[in-house]
N, C-alpha and C. Protein backbone atom coordinates (compact mmCIF):
# COMPACT_ATOMS: atom_id res chain seq x y z
N PRO A 1 -26.43 0.33 -85.53
CA PRO A 1 -25.45 -0.94 -85.07
C PRO A 1 -25.80 -2.55 -85.37
N ARG A 2 -26.93 -2.94 -84.50
CA ARG A 2 -27.47 -4.39 -84.50
C ARG A 2 -28.01 -4.78 -85.88
N VAL A 3 -28.23 -3.94 -86.53
CA VAL A 3 -28.38 -5.03 -88.59
C VAL A 3 -26.80 -5.27 -88.90
N MET A 4 -26.06 -3.97 -88.69
CA MET A 4 -24.85 -4.44 -89.05
C MET A 4 -23.71 -5.69 -88.27
N GLU A 5 -24.65 -5.69 -86.83
CA GLU A 5 -23.53 -7.42 -86.40
C GLU A 5 -24.45 -8.64 -87.02
N THR A 6 -25.90 -8.17 -87.40
CA THR A 6 -26.45 -9.58 -87.38
C THR A 6 -26.48 -9.96 -88.27
N ILE A 7 -25.88 -8.67 -89.61
CA ILE A 7 -26.18 -9.50 -90.79
C ILE A 7 -24.26 -10.36 -91.04
N LEU A 8 -22.86 -9.54 -90.52
CA LEU A 8 -22.14 -9.54 -90.56
C LEU A 8 -22.15 -10.91 -89.99
N ALA A 9 -22.31 -11.39 -88.56
CA ALA A 9 -23.20 -12.69 -87.70
C ALA A 9 -23.37 -13.86 -88.61
N LYS A 10 -24.14 -13.67 -89.58
CA LYS A 10 -24.81 -14.43 -90.91
C LYS A 10 -23.84 -15.07 -91.51
N ARG A 11 -22.83 -13.50 -92.30
CA ARG A 11 -22.05 -14.37 -92.85
C ARG A 11 -20.58 -15.00 -92.47
N GLY A 12 -20.75 -14.65 -90.90
CA GLY A 12 -19.47 -15.91 -90.10
C GLY A 12 -18.15 -14.67 -90.24
N LEU A 13 -18.48 -13.34 -90.71
CA LEU A 13 -17.92 -12.31 -90.21
C LEU A 13 -18.42 -11.91 -88.82
N LYS A 14 -16.98 -10.96 -88.67
CA LYS A 14 -17.02 -10.02 -87.32
C LYS A 14 -16.12 -9.18 -87.48
N PRO A 15 -17.04 -7.85 -86.53
CA PRO A 15 -17.04 -6.32 -86.45
C PRO A 15 -15.57 -5.95 -87.21
N GLY A 16 -14.65 -5.06 -87.56
CA GLY A 16 -13.61 -4.29 -87.94
C GLY A 16 -13.06 -4.21 -86.35
N PRO A 17 -11.86 -4.16 -86.23
CA PRO A 17 -10.50 -4.17 -84.79
C PRO A 17 -11.91 -3.00 -84.37
N THR A 18 -11.17 -3.10 -82.81
CA THR A 18 -11.59 -2.60 -82.06
C THR A 18 -10.21 -1.64 -81.24
N PRO A 19 -10.38 -0.61 -81.67
CA PRO A 19 -8.86 0.23 -81.11
C PRO A 19 -8.51 -0.48 -79.20
N CYS A 20 -10.10 -0.17 -78.91
CA CYS A 20 -10.05 -0.56 -76.94
C CYS A 20 -11.31 -0.50 -76.58
N THR A 21 -11.55 -2.13 -75.66
CA THR A 21 -12.50 -2.88 -75.75
C THR A 21 -12.72 -2.45 -74.07
N ARG A 22 -11.49 -2.30 -73.24
CA ARG A 22 -11.41 -1.75 -71.52
C ARG A 22 -10.54 -0.39 -72.12
N ALA A 23 -10.47 -0.32 -71.13
CA ALA A 23 -9.29 1.08 -70.09
C ALA A 23 -9.77 1.15 -68.70
N LEU A 24 -8.38 1.85 -68.05
CA LEU A 24 -8.66 2.47 -66.89
C LEU A 24 -7.37 2.96 -67.02
N PHE A 25 -7.93 4.59 -66.66
CA PHE A 25 -7.15 5.30 -66.55
C PHE A 25 -7.29 6.19 -64.90
N SER A 26 -6.00 7.38 -64.58
CA SER A 26 -6.10 7.71 -64.15
C SER A 26 -6.72 9.19 -63.76
N VAL A 27 -7.40 9.60 -62.85
CA VAL A 27 -8.00 10.92 -63.38
C VAL A 27 -7.21 11.46 -62.69
N SER A 28 -5.83 13.06 -61.90
CA SER A 28 -5.63 13.62 -60.80
C SER A 28 -5.96 14.56 -60.12
N ALA A 29 -7.44 14.81 -61.21
CA ALA A 29 -7.73 16.43 -60.12
C ALA A 29 -9.59 15.53 -60.56
N PRO A 30 -9.47 15.16 -59.76
CA PRO A 30 -11.56 14.73 -59.95
C PRO A 30 -11.94 15.50 -59.25
N LYS A 31 -11.67 16.64 -58.81
CA LYS A 31 -13.08 17.66 -58.44
C LYS A 31 -13.68 18.34 -59.53
N LYS A 32 -12.76 18.37 -60.60
CA LYS A 32 -13.13 18.78 -62.40
C LYS A 32 -14.20 17.85 -63.05
N THR A 33 -15.20 18.45 -63.37
CA THR A 33 -15.98 17.58 -64.27
C THR A 33 -15.77 17.55 -65.47
N ASN A 34 -15.29 18.63 -66.26
CA ASN A 34 -15.00 18.00 -67.92
C ASN A 34 -14.14 16.91 -67.75
N VAL A 35 -14.39 15.83 -67.89
CA VAL A 35 -14.11 14.74 -68.21
C VAL A 35 -15.18 13.61 -69.06
N TYR A 36 -14.60 13.86 -69.64
CA TYR A 36 -16.05 12.51 -70.49
C TYR A 36 -15.68 11.90 -71.68
N LEU A 37 -16.69 10.71 -71.76
CA LEU A 37 -16.27 9.23 -72.80
C LEU A 37 -16.78 9.48 -73.89
N VAL A 38 -16.07 9.55 -74.70
CA VAL A 38 -16.46 9.38 -76.59
C VAL A 38 -16.19 8.32 -76.56
N LEU A 39 -17.58 8.92 -77.70
CA LEU A 39 -17.62 6.59 -78.21
C LEU A 39 -17.65 7.81 -80.01
N PHE A 40 -16.93 6.82 -80.52
CA PHE A 40 -17.00 6.87 -82.41
C PHE A 40 -17.44 6.03 -83.04
N VAL A 41 -18.89 5.91 -83.79
CA VAL A 41 -19.29 4.85 -84.39
C VAL A 41 -18.73 4.98 -85.98
N TYR A 42 -18.01 4.23 -86.41
CA TYR A 42 -17.55 4.38 -88.06
C TYR A 42 -19.09 3.03 -88.51
N LYS A 43 -18.12 3.80 -90.01
CA LYS A 43 -18.49 2.90 -91.02
C LYS A 43 -18.29 2.47 -91.94
N ILE A 44 -18.24 1.42 -92.51
CA ILE A 44 -17.55 0.91 -93.60
C ILE A 44 -17.86 1.93 -95.32
N LEU A 45 -17.32 2.50 -96.18
CA LEU A 45 -17.88 3.12 -97.72
C LEU A 45 -18.98 2.02 -98.03
N GLN A 46 -20.00 2.86 -98.15
CA GLN A 46 -21.22 2.13 -98.19
C GLN A 46 -22.10 3.41 -99.14
N GLY A 47 -21.05 4.39 -99.49
CA GLY A 47 -22.05 5.31 -99.90
C GLY A 47 -22.67 5.96 -99.85
N PRO A 48 -23.67 7.17 -99.75
CA PRO A 48 -23.59 9.00 -99.01
C PRO A 48 -24.67 8.30 -98.19
N LEU A 49 -23.81 8.98 -96.79
CA LEU A 49 -24.53 8.48 -95.58
C LEU A 49 -25.92 8.74 -95.34
N ASP A 50 -26.78 9.47 -96.16
CA ASP A 50 -28.14 9.50 -96.02
C ASP A 50 -28.69 8.48 -96.45
N LYS A 51 -28.36 7.70 -97.20
CA LYS A 51 -28.91 7.22 -98.41
C LYS A 51 -29.23 5.78 -97.39
N VAL A 52 -27.49 5.36 -96.61
CA VAL A 52 -27.31 4.62 -96.02
C VAL A 52 -28.31 4.29 -94.71
N TRP A 53 -28.58 5.53 -94.00
CA TRP A 53 -29.20 5.35 -92.83
C TRP A 53 -30.85 5.28 -93.16
N GLU A 54 -31.16 5.45 -94.58
CA GLU A 54 -32.69 5.58 -94.82
C GLU A 54 -32.61 3.99 -94.78
N GLN A 55 -32.16 3.25 -95.45
CA GLN A 55 -32.25 1.31 -95.71
C GLN A 55 -32.39 1.51 -94.44
N TYR A 56 -31.43 1.43 -93.49
CA TYR A 56 -31.52 0.70 -92.52
C TYR A 56 -32.33 0.95 -91.36
N SER A 57 -32.78 2.01 -91.50
CA SER A 57 -33.40 2.64 -89.95
C SER A 57 -34.63 2.39 -90.56
N LYS A 58 -35.48 1.85 -91.91
CA LYS A 58 -36.38 0.89 -91.80
C LYS A 58 -36.12 -0.47 -92.30
N TYR A 59 -35.23 -1.16 -91.88
CA TYR A 59 -34.47 -2.67 -91.53
C TYR A 59 -35.67 -3.05 -91.47
N ASP A 60 -35.99 -3.06 -90.34
CA ASP A 60 -37.07 -4.13 -89.72
C ASP A 60 -38.57 -3.66 -90.89
N SER A 61 -38.64 -2.63 -91.37
CA SER A 61 -40.20 -2.89 -92.39
C SER A 61 -39.31 -2.96 -93.67
N LEU A 62 -38.96 -3.84 -94.09
CA LEU A 62 -38.14 -4.50 -95.75
C LEU A 62 -39.18 -6.04 -95.75
N SER A 63 -39.18 -5.87 -96.71
CA SER A 63 -39.71 -7.45 -96.47
C SER A 63 -38.26 -8.52 -96.72
N THR A 64 -38.43 -9.47 -96.96
CA THR A 64 -37.20 -10.60 -96.95
C THR A 64 -36.40 -10.16 -98.42
N LYS A 65 -37.40 -10.67 -98.85
CA LYS A 65 -36.04 -10.15 -100.48
C LYS A 65 -35.23 -9.14 -100.49
N GLU A 66 -36.25 -7.51 -99.47
CA GLU A 66 -35.98 -6.75 -99.91
C GLU A 66 -34.30 -6.72 -98.41
N LYS A 67 -34.78 -7.22 -97.47
CA LYS A 67 -33.68 -7.52 -96.41
C LYS A 67 -32.12 -8.65 -97.24
N ARG A 68 -32.60 -9.38 -97.46
CA ARG A 68 -31.70 -10.26 -98.52
C ARG A 68 -30.60 -9.26 -99.23
N SER A 69 -31.63 -8.24 -100.17
CA SER A 69 -30.60 -7.31 -101.46
C SER A 69 -29.58 -6.79 -100.70
N LEU A 70 -30.10 -6.15 -99.31
CA LEU A 70 -29.15 -5.16 -98.52
C LEU A 70 -28.09 -5.52 -97.58
N ASP A 71 -28.87 -6.84 -97.16
CA ASP A 71 -27.51 -7.75 -96.71
C ASP A 71 -26.32 -8.28 -98.03
N MET A 72 -26.46 -8.73 -99.34
CA MET A 72 -25.97 -8.24 -99.82
C MET A 72 -24.41 -7.46 -99.83
N LYS A 73 -25.66 -6.42 -100.33
CA LYS A 73 -24.71 -5.47 -100.94
C LYS A 73 -24.37 -4.89 -99.90
N ALA A 74 -24.30 -4.84 -98.11
CA ALA A 74 -23.32 -4.83 -97.26
C ALA A 74 -22.16 -5.28 -97.28
N GLN A 75 -22.76 -7.06 -97.51
CA GLN A 75 -21.54 -7.82 -97.40
C GLN A 75 -20.16 -7.65 -98.70
N GLU A 76 -20.73 -7.88 -99.19
CA GLU A 76 -20.09 -6.86 -100.74
C GLU A 76 -19.51 -5.53 -100.38
N CYS A 77 -20.10 -4.88 -99.80
CA CYS A 77 -19.22 -3.30 -99.50
C CYS A 77 -18.08 -4.20 -98.54
N LEU A 78 -18.57 -4.79 -97.52
CA LEU A 78 -17.62 -5.29 -96.73
C LEU A 78 -16.60 -5.85 -97.08
N LYS A 79 -16.48 -6.69 -97.82
CA LYS A 79 -15.47 -7.54 -98.42
C LYS A 79 -14.78 -6.26 -99.09
N ARG A 80 -14.86 -5.23 -99.76
CA ARG A 80 -14.27 -4.11 -101.48
C ARG A 80 -13.45 -3.53 -100.57
N PHE A 81 -14.46 -2.93 -99.46
CA PHE A 81 -14.13 -1.39 -99.02
C PHE A 81 -13.60 -1.50 -96.93
N SER A 82 -13.59 -3.10 -96.58
CA SER A 82 -13.18 -3.27 -95.53
C SER A 82 -12.30 -1.65 -94.44
N ASP A 83 -11.58 -1.51 -95.62
CA ASP A 83 -10.52 -0.87 -95.30
C ASP A 83 -10.41 1.08 -94.95
N TYR A 84 -11.29 1.46 -95.23
CA TYR A 84 -12.19 2.52 -95.70
C TYR A 84 -13.43 2.47 -95.00
N ARG A 85 -13.15 3.55 -93.63
CA ARG A 85 -13.62 3.78 -92.64
C ARG A 85 -14.20 5.17 -92.84
N GLN A 86 -15.46 6.00 -92.57
CA GLN A 86 -15.89 6.67 -92.37
C GLN A 86 -16.86 6.74 -91.02
N LEU A 87 -16.58 8.03 -90.57
CA LEU A 87 -17.25 8.23 -88.94
C LEU A 87 -19.06 8.04 -89.39
N PHE A 88 -19.70 8.00 -89.01
CA PHE A 88 -21.23 7.30 -88.62
C PHE A 88 -21.66 8.42 -86.81
N VAL A 89 -21.52 8.23 -86.65
CA VAL A 89 -21.40 9.35 -85.22
C VAL A 89 -20.89 8.86 -84.27
N TRP A 90 -21.79 10.23 -83.62
CA TRP A 90 -20.38 10.41 -82.40
C TRP A 90 -21.36 11.14 -81.25
N SER A 91 -20.64 10.27 -79.97
CA SER A 91 -21.41 11.20 -79.04
C SER A 91 -20.59 11.66 -77.58
N ALA A 92 -20.98 11.68 -76.51
CA ALA A 92 -19.85 11.81 -75.20
C ALA A 92 -21.33 12.54 -74.22
N CYS A 93 -20.33 11.50 -72.68
CA CYS A 93 -21.42 11.62 -71.82
C CYS A 93 -20.70 11.99 -70.68
N PRO A 94 -21.09 12.92 -69.79
CA PRO A 94 -19.54 13.15 -68.31
C PRO A 94 -19.46 11.95 -67.59
N ILE A 95 -18.42 11.68 -67.05
CA ILE A 95 -17.79 10.22 -66.26
C ILE A 95 -18.28 11.22 -64.73
N PHE A 96 -18.18 12.10 -64.38
CA PHE A 96 -17.77 12.96 -63.31
C PHE A 96 -19.73 13.96 -62.74
N ASP A 97 -20.33 13.54 -62.51
CA ASP A 97 -21.39 14.44 -61.92
C ASP A 97 -21.00 15.50 -61.22
N GLY A 98 -21.79 16.51 -60.94
CA GLY A 98 -22.04 18.32 -60.81
C GLY A 98 -21.10 18.31 -59.49
N GLN A 99 -21.14 17.91 -58.97
CA GLN A 99 -19.69 18.05 -57.42
C GLN A 99 -18.38 17.09 -57.58
N GLY A 100 -18.26 16.40 -58.44
CA GLY A 100 -16.88 16.13 -59.16
C GLY A 100 -16.54 14.62 -58.72
N ASN A 101 -17.71 13.88 -58.18
CA ASN A 101 -17.93 12.69 -57.79
C ASN A 101 -17.56 11.67 -59.05
N LEU A 102 -17.51 10.86 -58.88
CA LEU A 102 -17.52 9.19 -60.16
C LEU A 102 -19.22 9.22 -60.13
N SER A 103 -19.58 9.74 -61.65
CA SER A 103 -21.26 9.62 -61.50
C SER A 103 -21.58 7.72 -61.31
N SER A 104 -22.92 7.98 -60.59
CA SER A 104 -22.69 6.13 -59.89
C SER A 104 -24.29 5.71 -61.25
N GLU A 105 -24.62 6.83 -62.05
CA GLU A 105 -26.01 6.40 -63.04
C GLU A 105 -25.27 5.64 -64.49
N LYS A 106 -25.78 4.60 -64.74
CA LYS A 106 -25.24 3.92 -66.00
C LYS A 106 -24.80 4.75 -67.26
N VAL A 107 -23.56 4.44 -67.37
CA VAL A 107 -22.95 5.89 -68.78
C VAL A 107 -23.99 5.58 -70.23
N LYS A 108 -24.98 6.47 -70.21
CA LYS A 108 -25.28 7.17 -71.28
C LYS A 108 -25.30 8.27 -72.60
N PHE A 109 -25.58 7.50 -73.16
CA PHE A 109 -24.68 8.69 -74.43
C PHE A 109 -26.38 8.67 -74.79
N ASN A 110 -27.27 10.44 -74.72
CA ASN A 110 -28.28 10.26 -75.19
C ASN A 110 -27.96 11.39 -76.23
N GLU A 111 -27.95 12.31 -76.71
CA GLU A 111 -27.28 12.45 -77.75
C GLU A 111 -26.66 11.94 -79.00
N LEU A 112 -26.45 11.58 -79.82
CA LEU A 112 -25.51 11.19 -81.21
C LEU A 112 -25.87 12.50 -82.25
N TYR A 113 -24.89 12.11 -82.22
CA TYR A 113 -24.54 13.50 -83.05
C TYR A 113 -23.67 12.70 -84.64
């Protein structure tokens, strides 16, 4: 995620539209603990997911030339396929603790699927 933000920022581009950046909800039965915050991360169409993941997971260890090439490819894909997105990862975390109280801990997405 940070890599794409860096790539886009260098080109003067912003990430795609986010449907919701802030929200306020009323929970009518707060004693129920099955309320979750769900996070979906999408990526632009850029090829097979396993190849894309491999490239970005090794980004820090790439040479400057390889990084530049990957940046150019990402920029080209963004221009051509920005309307075509696919699910990259998703996660969920509970909003309430085991007693039905609003969790006092920071929201953490421990598992990514």
